[in-house]
């Protein structure tokens, strides 16, 4: 951090001021590597054996109303073939 600051700024006692700021900053302390959990190796997802065994769903909301008053789309993805289905729906509940 100090080398980045030296490119643009300099003042007397700069190194000491930066060190003091970093030790007092809670956010800076939390993002240090030694304070984070070890994640481990990535594991691939299991490949489904049958169609429609595993699906994922999501909603696209906030769209303008259609002629049938649909203002959202429900997206269903079948995981084996990666086929997507887009279903127009009416959103009855609004997040506040």
PDB file of N, CA and C in Angstrom:
ATOM      1  N   UNK A   1       0.827  -1.187   0.000  1.00  0.00           N
ATOM      2  CA  UNK A   1       0.000   0.000   0.000  1.00  0.00           C
ATOM      3  C   UNK A   1       0.873   1.253   0.000  1.00  0.00           C
ATOM      4  N   UNK A   2       1.962   1.180   0.746  1.00  0.00           N
ATOM      5  CA  UNK A   2       2.812   2.367   0.840  1.00  0.00           C
ATOM      6  C   UNK A   2       3.432   2.714  -0.511  1.00  0.00           C
ATOM      7  N   UNK A   3       3.805   1.686  -1.297  1.00  0.00           N
ATOM      8  CA  UNK A   3       4.400   1.971  -2.608  1.00  0.00           C
ATOM      9  C   UNK A   3       3.380   2.590  -3.557  1.00  0.00           C
ATOM     10  N   UNK A   4       2.118   2.173  -3.444  1.00  0.00           N
ATOM     11  CA  UNK A   4       1.063   2.764  -4.265  1.00  0.00           C
ATOM     12  C   UNK A   4       0.864   4.236  -3.901  1.00  0.00           C
ATOM     13  N   UNK A   5       0.883   4.537  -2.625  1.00  0.00           N
ATOM     14  CA  UNK A   5       0.729   5.927  -2.185  1.00  0.00           C
ATOM     15  C   UNK A   5       1.922   6.784  -2.592  1.00  0.00           C
ATOM     16  N   UNK A   6       3.135   6.209  -2.534  1.00  0.00           N
ATOM     17  CA  UNK A   6       4.331   6.978  -2.888  1.00  0.00           C
ATOM     18  C   UNK A   6       4.315   7.450  -4.328  1.00  0.00           C
ATOM     19  N   UNK A   7       3.594   6.761  -5.191  1.00  0.00           N
ATOM     20  CA  UNK A   7       3.527   7.182  -6.594  1.00  0.00           C
ATOM     21  C   UNK A   7       2.814   8.523  -6.753  1.00  0.00           C
ATOM     22  N   UNK A   8       1.885   8.829  -5.867  1.00  0.00           N
ATOM     23  CA  UNK A   8       1.094  10.053  -5.988  1.00  0.00           C
ATOM     24  C   UNK A   8       1.308  11.052  -4.845  1.00  0.00           C
ATOM     25  N   UNK A   9       1.630  10.546  -3.636  1.00  0.00           N
ATOM     26  CA  UNK A   9       1.681  11.414  -2.454  1.00  0.00           C
ATOM     27  C   UNK A   9       2.954  11.152  -1.657  1.00  0.00           C
ATOM     28  N   UNK A  10       3.334  12.127  -0.860  1.00  0.00           N
ATOM     29  CA  UNK A  10       4.415  11.941   0.106  1.00  0.00           C
ATOM     30  C   UNK A  10       4.279  12.998   1.186  1.00  0.00           C
ATOM     31  N   UNK A  11       4.483  12.602   2.438  1.00  0.00           N
ATOM     32  CA  UNK A  11       4.583  13.536   3.551  1.00  0.00           C
ATOM     33  C   UNK A  11       5.490  12.917   4.596  1.00  0.00           C
ATOM     34  N   UNK A  12       6.021  13.743   5.482  1.00  0.00           N
ATOM     35  CA  UNK A  12       6.908  13.261   6.539  1.00  0.00           C
ATOM     36  C   UNK A  12       6.120  12.357   7.491  1.00  0.00           C
ATOM     37  N   UNK A  13       6.670  11.202   7.820  1.00  0.00           N
ATOM     38  CA  UNK A  13       6.006  10.251   8.703  1.00  0.00           C
ATOM     39  C   UNK A  13       4.916   9.452   7.997  1.00  0.00           C
ATOM     40  N   UNK A  14       4.979   9.424   6.670  1.00  0.00           N
ATOM     41  CA  UNK A  14       3.935   8.754   5.885  1.00  0.00           C
ATOM     42  C   UNK A  14       3.852   7.261   6.197  1.00  0.00           C
ATOM     43  N   UNK A  15       5.003   6.592   6.285  1.00  0.00           N
ATOM     44  CA  UNK A  15       5.024   5.147   6.533  1.00  0.00           C
ATOM     45  C   UNK A  15       4.385   4.821   7.883  1.00  0.00           C
ATOM     46  N   UNK A  16       4.688   5.618   8.896  1.00  0.00           N
ATOM     47  CA  UNK A  16       4.124   5.398  10.230  1.00  0.00           C
ATOM     48  C   UNK A  16       2.619   5.659  10.239  1.00  0.00           C
ATOM     49  N   UNK A  17       2.178   6.694   9.535  1.00  0.00           N
ATOM     50  CA  UNK A  17       0.751   7.011   9.465  1.00  0.00           C
ATOM     51  C   UNK A  17      -0.038   5.908   8.760  1.00  0.00           C
ATOM     52  N   UNK A  18       0.521   5.390   7.677  1.00  0.00           N
ATOM     53  CA  UNK A  18      -0.169   4.318   6.948  1.00  0.00           C
ATOM     54  C   UNK A  18      -0.251   3.060   7.799  1.00  0.00           C
ATOM     55  N   UNK A  19       0.846   2.707   8.489  1.00  0.00           N
ATOM     56  CA  UNK A  19       0.846   1.525   9.355  1.00  0.00           C
ATOM     57  C   UNK A  19      -0.187   1.675  10.473  1.00  0.00           C
ATOM     58  N   UNK A  20      -0.286   2.854  11.057  1.00  0.00           N
ATOM     59  CA  UNK A  20      -1.257   3.101  12.126  1.00  0.00           C
ATOM     60  C   UNK A  20      -2.683   2.980  11.594  1.00  0.00           C
ATOM     61  N   UNK A  21      -2.924   3.532  10.412  1.00  0.00           N
ATOM     62  CA  UNK A  21      -4.251   3.474   9.801  1.00  0.00           C
ATOM     63  C   UNK A  21      -4.659   2.024   9.524  1.00  0.00           C
ATOM     64  N   UNK A  22      -3.722   1.234   9.005  1.00  0.00           N
ATOM     65  CA  UNK A  22      -4.033  -0.159   8.671  1.00  0.00           C
ATOM     66  C   UNK A  22      -4.296  -1.010   9.912  1.00  0.00           C
ATOM     67  N   UNK A  23      -3.599  -0.738  11.013  1.00  0.00           N
ATOM     68  CA  UNK A  23      -3.825  -1.521  12.233  1.00  0.00           C
ATOM     69  C   UNK A  23      -5.140  -1.154  12.911  1.00  0.00           C
ATOM     70  N   UNK A  24      -5.636   0.064  12.691  1.00  0.00           N
ATOM     71  CA  UNK A  24      -6.897   0.498  13.305  1.00  0.00           C
ATOM     72  C   UNK A  24      -8.119   0.192  12.447  1.00  0.00           C
ATOM     73  N   UNK A  25      -7.908  -0.087  11.179  1.00  0.00           N
ATOM     74  CA  UNK A  25      -9.029  -0.286  10.257  1.00  0.00           C
ATOM     75  C   UNK A  25      -9.559  -1.716  10.372  1.00  0.00           C
ATOM     76  N   UNK A  26     -10.795  -1.876  10.819  1.00  0.00           N
ATOM     77  CA  UNK A  26     -11.399  -3.189  10.998  1.00  0.00           C
ATOM     78  C   UNK A  26     -11.524  -3.931   9.672  1.00  0.00           C
ATOM     79  N   UNK A  27     -11.947  -3.231   8.635  1.00  0.00           N
ATOM     80  CA  UNK A  27     -12.104  -3.854   7.317  1.00  0.00           C
ATOM     81  C   UNK A  27     -10.762  -4.369   6.779  1.00  0.00           C
ATOM     82  N   UNK A  28      -9.699  -3.600   6.976  1.00  0.00           N
ATOM     83  CA  UNK A  28      -8.370  -4.029   6.524  1.00  0.00           C
ATOM     84  C   UNK A  28      -7.915  -5.273   7.269  1.00  0.00           C
ATOM     85  N   UNK A  29      -8.236  -5.371   8.540  1.00  0.00           N
ATOM     86  CA  UNK A  29      -7.845  -6.540   9.332  1.00  0.00           C
ATOM     87  C   UNK A  29      -8.630  -7.786   8.925  1.00  0.00           C
ATOM     88  N   UNK A  30      -9.895  -7.617   8.556  1.00  0.00           N
ATOM     89  CA  UNK A  30     -10.735  -8.764   8.209  1.00  0.00           C
ATOM     90  C   UNK A  30     -10.387  -9.370   6.861  1.00  0.00           C
ATOM     91  N   UNK A  31      -9.850  -8.604   5.935  1.00  0.00           N
ATOM     92  CA  UNK A  31      -9.552  -9.133   4.611  1.00  0.00           C
ATOM     93  C   UNK A  31      -8.162  -9.746   4.511  1.00  0.00           C
ATOM     94  N   UNK A  32      -7.394  -9.722   5.581  1.00  0.00           N
ATOM     95  CA  UNK A  32      -6.074 -10.345   5.566  1.00  0.00           C
ATOM     96  C   UNK A  32      -6.217 -11.851   5.394  1.00  0.00           C
ATOM     97  N   UNK A  33      -5.271 -12.447   4.709  1.00  0.00           N
ATOM     98  CA  UNK A  33      -5.321 -13.876   4.403  1.00  0.00           C
ATOM     99  C   UNK A  33      -5.346 -14.721   5.669  1.00  0.00           C
ATOM    100  N   UNK A  34      -4.599 -14.335   6.686  1.00  0.00           N
ATOM    101  CA  UNK A  34      -4.541 -15.159   7.901  1.00  0.00           C
ATOM    102  C   UNK A  34      -5.860 -15.168   8.678  1.00  0.00           C
ATOM    103  N   UNK A  35      -6.779 -14.255   8.377  1.00  0.00           N
ATOM    104  CA  UNK A  35      -8.065 -14.214   9.072  1.00  0.00           C
ATOM    105  C   UNK A  35      -9.186 -14.870   8.276  1.00  0.00           C
ATOM    106  N   UNK A  36      -8.872 -15.418   7.128  1.00  0.00           N
ATOM    107  CA  UNK A  36      -9.893 -16.053   6.296  1.00  0.00           C
ATOM    108  C   UNK A  36      -9.782 -17.566   6.416  1.00  0.00           C
ATOM    109  N   UNK A  37     -10.915 -18.254   6.277  1.00  0.00           N
ATOM    110  CA  UNK A  37     -10.941 -19.705   6.336  1.00  0.00           C
ATOM    111  C   UNK A  37     -10.341 -20.293   5.070  1.00  0.00           C
ATOM    112  N   UNK A  38      -9.653 -21.430   5.252  1.00  0.00           N
ATOM    113  CA  UNK A  38      -9.106 -22.134   4.097  1.00  0.00           C
ATOM    114  C   UNK A  38     -10.259 -22.759   3.322  1.00  0.00           C
ATOM    115  N   UNK A  39     -10.347 -22.463   2.054  1.00  0.00           N
ATOM    116  CA  UNK A  39     -11.475 -22.898   1.245  1.00  0.00           C
ATOM    117  C   UNK A  39     -11.339 -24.354   0.833  1.00  0.00           C
ATOM    118  N   UNK A  40     -10.157 -24.782   0.496  1.00  0.00           N
ATOM    119  CA  UNK A  40      -9.955 -26.156   0.044  1.00  0.00           C
ATOM    120  C   UNK A  40     -10.077 -26.271  -1.461  1.00  0.00           C
ATOM    121  N   UNK A  41     -10.011 -27.502  -1.937  1.00  0.00           N
ATOM    122  CA  UNK A  41     -10.072 -27.748  -3.368  1.00  0.00           C
ATOM    123  C   UNK A  41     -11.505 -27.692  -3.876  1.00  0.00           C
ATOM    124  N   UNK A  42     -11.646 -27.341  -5.134  1.00  0.00           N
ATOM    125  CA  UNK A  42     -12.967 -27.326  -5.751  1.00  0.00           C
ATOM    126  C   UNK A  42     -13.387 -28.747  -6.099  1.00  0.00           C
ATOM    127  N   UNK A  43     -14.659 -29.028  -5.936  1.00  0.00           N
ATOM    128  CA  UNK A  43     -15.197 -30.343  -6.280  1.00  0.00           C
ATOM    129  C   UNK A  43     -16.236 -30.166  -7.376  1.00  0.00           C
ATOM    130  N   UNK A  44     -16.111 -30.927  -8.454  1.00  0.00           N
ATOM    131  CA  UNK A  44     -17.099 -30.781  -9.527  1.00  0.00           C
ATOM    132  C   UNK A  44     -18.461 -31.294  -9.082  1.00  0.00           C
ATOM    133  N   UNK A  45     -19.503 -30.704  -9.649  1.00  0.00           N
ATOM    134  CA  UNK A  45     -20.856 -31.152  -9.356  1.00  0.00           C
ATOM    135  C   UNK A  45     -21.097 -32.514 -10.006  1.00  0.00           C
ATOM    136  N   UNK A  46     -21.915 -33.326  -9.359  1.00  0.00           N
ATOM    137  CA  UNK A  46     -22.244 -34.632  -9.921  1.00  0.00           C
ATOM    138  C   UNK A  46     -23.094 -34.453 -11.176  1.00  0.00           C
ATOM    139  N   UNK A  47     -22.841 -35.270 -12.180  1.00  0.00           N
ATOM    140  CA  UNK A  47     -23.601 -35.209 -13.424  1.00  0.00           C
ATOM    141  C   UNK A  47     -24.874 -36.027 -13.251  1.00  0.00           C
ATOM    142  N   UNK A  48     -26.045 -35.427 -13.462  1.00  0.00           N
ATOM    143  CA  UNK A  48     -27.294 -36.177 -13.302  1.00  0.00           C
ATOM    144  C   UNK A  48     -27.386 -37.315 -14.316  1.00  0.00           C
ATOM    145  N   UNK A  49     -28.069 -38.398 -13.937  1.00  0.00           N
ATOM    146  CA  UNK A  49     -28.216 -39.543 -14.825  1.00  0.00           C
ATOM    147  C   UNK A  49     -29.484 -39.467 -15.670  1.00  0.00           C
ATOM    148  N   UNK A  50     -30.506 -38.790 -15.196  1.00  0.00           N
ATOM    149  CA  UNK A  50     -31.791 -38.733 -15.890  1.00  0.00           C
ATOM    150  C   UNK A  50     -32.164 -37.288 -16.180  1.00  0.00           C
ATOM    151  N   UNK A  51     -32.929 -37.119 -17.271  1.00  0.00           N
ATOM    152  CA  UNK A  51     -33.455 -35.796 -17.575  1.00  0.00           C
ATOM    153  C   UNK A  51     -34.391 -35.367 -16.448  1.00  0.00           C
ATOM    154  N   UNK A  52     -34.379 -34.113 -16.137  1.00  0.00           N
ATOM    155  CA  UNK A  52     -35.221 -33.491 -15.117  1.00  0.00           C
ATOM    156  C   UNK A  52     -34.958 -34.027 -13.709  1.00  0.00           C
ATOM    157  N   UNK A  53     -33.823 -34.701 -13.511  1.00  0.00           N
ATOM    158  CA  UNK A  53     -33.458 -35.141 -12.159  1.00  0.00           C
ATOM    159  C   UNK A  53     -33.040 -33.940 -11.314  1.00  0.00           C
ATOM    160  N   UNK A  54     -32.338 -33.003 -11.957  1.00  0.00           N
ATOM    161  CA  UNK A  54     -31.874 -31.805 -11.271  1.00  0.00           C
ATOM    162  C   UNK A  54     -32.223 -30.589 -12.124  1.00  0.00           C
ATOM    163  N   UNK A  55     -32.854 -29.613 -11.494  1.00  0.00           N
ATOM    164  CA  UNK A  55     -33.187 -28.377 -12.191  1.00  0.00           C
ATOM    165  C   UNK A  55     -32.753 -27.191 -11.347  1.00  0.00           C
ATOM    166  N   UNK A  56     -32.649 -26.053 -11.989  1.00  0.00           N
ATOM    167  CA  UNK A  56     -32.451 -24.805 -11.256  1.00  0.00           C
ATOM    168  C   UNK A  56     -33.485 -23.807 -11.763  1.00  0.00           C
ATOM    169  N   UNK A  57     -33.892 -22.910 -10.878  1.00  0.00           N
ATOM    170  CA  UNK A  57     -34.921 -21.926 -11.230  1.00  0.00           C
ATOM    171  C   UNK A  57     -34.454 -20.542 -10.818  1.00  0.00           C
ATOM    172  N   UNK A  58     -34.923 -19.560 -11.559  1.00  0.00           N
ATOM    173  CA  UNK A  58     -34.653 -18.166 -11.224  1.00  0.00           C
ATOM    174  C   UNK A  58     -35.783 -17.320 -11.797  1.00  0.00           C
ATOM    175  N   UNK A  59     -35.908 -16.114 -11.305  1.00  0.00           N
ATOM    176  CA  UNK A  59     -36.945 -15.207 -11.782  1.00  0.00           C
ATOM    177  C   UNK A  59     -36.316 -13.932 -12.302  1.00  0.00           C
ATOM    178  N   UNK A  60     -36.825 -13.448 -13.422  1.00  0.00           N
ATOM    179  CA  UNK A  60     -36.468 -12.138 -13.952  1.00  0.00           C
ATOM    180  C   UNK A  60     -37.687 -11.259 -13.711  1.00  0.00           C
ATOM    181  N   UNK A  61     -37.533 -10.257 -12.860  1.00  0.00           N
ATOM    182  CA  UNK A  61     -38.671  -9.432 -12.469  1.00  0.00           C
ATOM    183  C   UNK A  61     -38.459  -7.984 -12.911  1.00  0.00           C
ATOM    184  N   UNK A  62     -39.488  -7.195 -12.731  1.00  0.00           N
ATOM    185  CA  UNK A  62     -39.407  -5.771 -13.034  1.00  0.00           C
ATOM    186  C   UNK A  62     -39.535  -5.444 -14.507  1.00  0.00           C
ATOM    187  N   UNK A  63     -40.116  -6.329 -15.279  1.00  0.00           N
ATOM    188  CA  UNK A  63     -40.297  -6.093 -16.711  1.00  0.00           C
ATOM    189  C   UNK A  63     -41.602  -5.326 -16.945  1.00  0.00           C
ATOM    190  N   UNK A  64     -41.741  -4.662 -18.073  1.00  0.00           N
ATOM    191  CA  UNK A  64     -43.022  -4.010 -18.370  1.00  0.00           C
ATOM    192  C   UNK A  64     -44.111  -5.061 -18.592  1.00  0.00           C
ATOM    193  N   UNK A  65     -45.341  -4.707 -18.262  1.00  0.00           N
ATOM    194  CA  UNK A  65     -46.456  -5.653 -18.388  1.00  0.00           C
ATOM    195  C   UNK A  65     -46.750  -5.982 -19.846  1.00  0.00           C
ATOM    196  N   UNK A  66     -47.057  -7.257 -20.080  1.00  0.00           N
ATOM    197  CA  UNK A  66     -47.440  -7.698 -21.422  1.00  0.00           C
ATOM    198  C   UNK A  66     -48.955  -7.544 -21.578  1.00  0.00           C
ATOM    199  N   UNK A  67     -49.481  -7.969 -22.716  1.00  0.00           N
ATOM    200  CA  UNK A  67     -50.923  -7.895 -22.943  1.00  0.00           C
ATOM    201  C   UNK A  67     -51.697  -8.759 -21.956  1.00  0.00           C
ATOM    202  N   UNK A  68     -51.071  -9.827 -21.478  1.00  0.00           N
ATOM    203  CA  UNK A  68     -51.719 -10.718 -20.502  1.00  0.00           C
ATOM    204  C   UNK A  68     -51.326 -10.377 -19.062  1.00  0.00           C
ATOM    205  N   UNK A  69     -50.796  -9.186 -18.838  1.00  0.00           N
ATOM    206  CA  UNK A  69     -50.387  -8.682 -17.524  1.00  0.00           C
ATOM    207  C   UNK A  69     -49.223  -9.445 -16.909  1.00  0.00           C
ATOM    208  N   UNK A  70     -48.446 -10.155 -17.717  1.00  0.00           N
ATOM    209  CA  UNK A  70     -47.241 -10.804 -17.202  1.00  0.00           C
ATOM    210  C   UNK A  70     -46.135  -9.758 -17.119  1.00  0.00           C
ATOM    211  N   UNK A  71     -45.469  -9.721 -15.963  1.00  0.00           N
ATOM    212  CA  UNK A  71     -44.384  -8.754 -15.794  1.00  0.00           C
ATOM    213  C   UNK A  71     -43.094  -9.406 -15.307  1.00  0.00           C
ATOM    214  N   UNK A  72     -43.050 -10.733 -15.310  1.00  0.00           N
ATOM    215  CA  UNK A  72     -41.869 -11.464 -14.863  1.00  0.00           C
ATOM    216  C   UNK A  72     -41.702 -12.717 -15.716  1.00  0.00           C
ATOM    217  N   UNK A  73     -40.508 -13.298 -15.661  1.00  0.00           N
ATOM    218  CA  UNK A  73     -40.228 -14.538 -16.372  1.00  0.00           C
ATOM    219  C   UNK A  73     -39.613 -15.517 -15.389  1.00  0.00           C
ATOM    220  N   UNK A  74     -40.175 -16.719 -15.312  1.00  0.00           N
ATOM    221  CA  UNK A  74     -39.573 -17.782 -14.523  1.00  0.00           C
ATOM    222  C   UNK A  74     -38.683 -18.594 -15.460  1.00  0.00           C
ATOM    223  N   UNK A  75     -37.415 -18.716 -15.095  1.00  0.00           N
ATOM    224  CA  UNK A  75     -36.459 -19.447 -15.917  1.00  0.00           C
ATOM    225  C   UNK A  75     -36.176 -20.778 -15.228  1.00  0.00           C
ATOM    226  N   UNK A  76     -36.419 -21.876 -15.943  1.00  0.00           N
ATOM    227  CA  UNK A  76     -36.156 -23.217 -15.424  1.00  0.00           C
ATOM    228  C   UNK A  76     -35.103 -23.852 -16.323  1.00  0.00           C
ATOM    229  N   UNK A  77     -33.995 -24.310 -15.721  1.00  0.00           N
ATOM    230  CA  UNK A  77     -32.913 -24.926 -16.490  1.00  0.00           C
ATOM    231  C   UNK A  77     -32.789 -26.379 -16.056  1.00  0.00           C
ATOM    232  N   UNK A  78     -32.904 -27.274 -17.010  1.00  0.00           N
ATOM    233  CA  UNK A  78     -32.699 -28.698 -16.758  1.00  0.00           C
ATOM    234  C   UNK A  78     -31.199 -28.952 -16.867  1.00  0.00           C
ATOM    235  N   UNK A  79     -30.590 -29.468 -15.797  1.00  0.00           N
ATOM    236  CA  UNK A  79     -29.142 -29.483 -15.673  1.00  0.00           C
ATOM    237  C   UNK A  79     -28.428 -30.484 -16.584  1.00  0.00           C
ATOM    238  N   UNK A  80     -29.035 -31.607 -16.917  1.00  0.00           N
ATOM    239  CA  UNK A  80     -28.339 -32.604 -17.736  1.00  0.00           C
ATOM    240  C   UNK A  80     -28.090 -32.096 -19.148  1.00  0.00           C
ATOM    241  N   UNK A  81     -29.133 -31.593 -19.789  1.00  0.00           N
ATOM    242  CA  UNK A  81     -29.016 -31.127 -21.169  1.00  0.00           C
ATOM    243  C   UNK A  81     -28.804 -29.622 -21.264  1.00  0.00           C
ATOM    244  N   UNK A  82     -28.869 -28.942 -20.140  1.00  0.00           N
ATOM    245  CA  UNK A  82     -28.746 -27.481 -20.093  1.00  0.00           C
ATOM    246  C   UNK A  82     -29.811 -26.813 -20.949  1.00  0.00           C
ATOM    247  N   UNK A  83     -31.002 -27.378 -20.960  1.00  0.00           N
ATOM    248  CA  UNK A  83     -32.092 -26.759 -21.717  1.00  0.00           C
ATOM    249  C   UNK A  83     -32.840 -25.794 -20.799  1.00  0.00           C
ATOM    250  N   UNK A  84     -33.124 -24.623 -21.331  1.00  0.00           N
ATOM    251  CA  UNK A  84     -33.784 -23.591 -20.543  1.00  0.00           C
ATOM    252  C   UNK A  84     -35.216 -23.398 -21.028  1.00  0.00           C
ATOM    253  N   UNK A  85     -36.102 -23.167 -20.088  1.00  0.00           N
ATOM    254  CA  UNK A  85     -37.506 -22.893 -20.377  1.00  0.00           C
ATOM    255  C   UNK A  85     -37.832 -21.542 -19.745  1.00  0.00           C
ATOM    256  N   UNK A  86     -38.434 -20.670 -20.535  1.00  0.00           N
ATOM    257  CA  UNK A  86     -38.784 -19.333 -20.075  1.00  0.00           C
ATOM    258  C   UNK A  86     -40.301 -19.237 -20.008  1.00  0.00           C
ATOM    259  N   UNK A  87     -40.819 -19.049 -18.796  1.00  0.00           N
ATOM    260  CA  UNK A  87     -42.258 -19.078 -18.568  1.00  0.00           C
ATOM    261  C   UNK A  87     -42.710 -17.689 -18.105  1.00  0.00           C
ATOM    262  N   UNK A  88     -43.570 -17.020 -18.890  1.00  0.00           N
ATOM    263  CA  UNK A  88     -44.059 -15.705 -18.445  1.00  0.00           C
ATOM    264  C   UNK A  88     -45.019 -15.864 -17.262  1.00  0.00           C
ATOM    265  N   UNK A  89     -44.843 -15.059 -16.248  1.00  0.00           N
ATOM    266  CA  UNK A  89     -45.682 -15.129 -15.047  1.00  0.00           C
ATOM    267  C   UNK A  89     -46.018 -13.723 -14.574  1.00  0.00           C
ATOM    268  N   UNK A  90     -47.022 -13.654 -13.691  1.00  0.00           N
ATOM    269  CA  UNK A  90     -47.384 -12.391 -13.050  1.00  0.00           C
ATOM    270  C   UNK A  90     -46.768 -12.376 -11.663  1.00  0.00           C
ATOM    271  N   UNK A  91     -46.035 -11.333 -11.358  1.00  0.00           N
ATOM    272  CA  UNK A  91     -45.445 -11.187 -10.027  1.00  0.00           C
ATOM    273  C   UNK A  91     -46.498 -10.552  -9.128  1.00  0.00           C
ATOM    274  N   UNK A  92     -46.914 -11.277  -8.116  1.00  0.00           N
ATOM    275  CA  UNK A  92     -47.976 -10.767  -7.233  1.00  0.00           C
ATOM    276  C   UNK A  92     -47.410 -10.076  -6.000  1.00  0.00           C
ATOM    277  N   UNK A  93     -46.157 -10.333  -5.681  1.00  0.00           N
ATOM    278  CA  UNK A  93     -45.550  -9.752  -4.493  1.00  0.00           C
ATOM    279  C   UNK A  93     -44.395  -8.866  -4.904  1.00  0.00           C
ATOM    280  N   UNK A  94     -44.286  -7.743  -4.275  1.00  0.00           N
ATOM    281  CA  UNK A  94     -43.223  -6.807  -4.578  1.00  0.00           C
ATOM    282  C   UNK A  94     -42.288  -6.731  -3.371  1.00  0.00           C
ATOM    283  N   UNK A  95     -40.989  -6.795  -3.632  1.00  0.00           N
ATOM    284  CA  UNK A  95     -40.020  -6.605  -2.561  1.00  0.00           C
ATOM    285  C   UNK A  95     -39.997  -5.124  -2.176  1.00  0.00           C
ATOM    286  N   UNK A  96     -39.905  -4.857  -0.907  1.00  0.00           N
ATOM    287  CA  UNK A  96     -39.917  -3.478  -0.445  1.00  0.00           C
ATOM    288  C   UNK A  96     -38.521  -3.058  -0.063  1.00  0.00           C
TER     289      UNK A  96
END
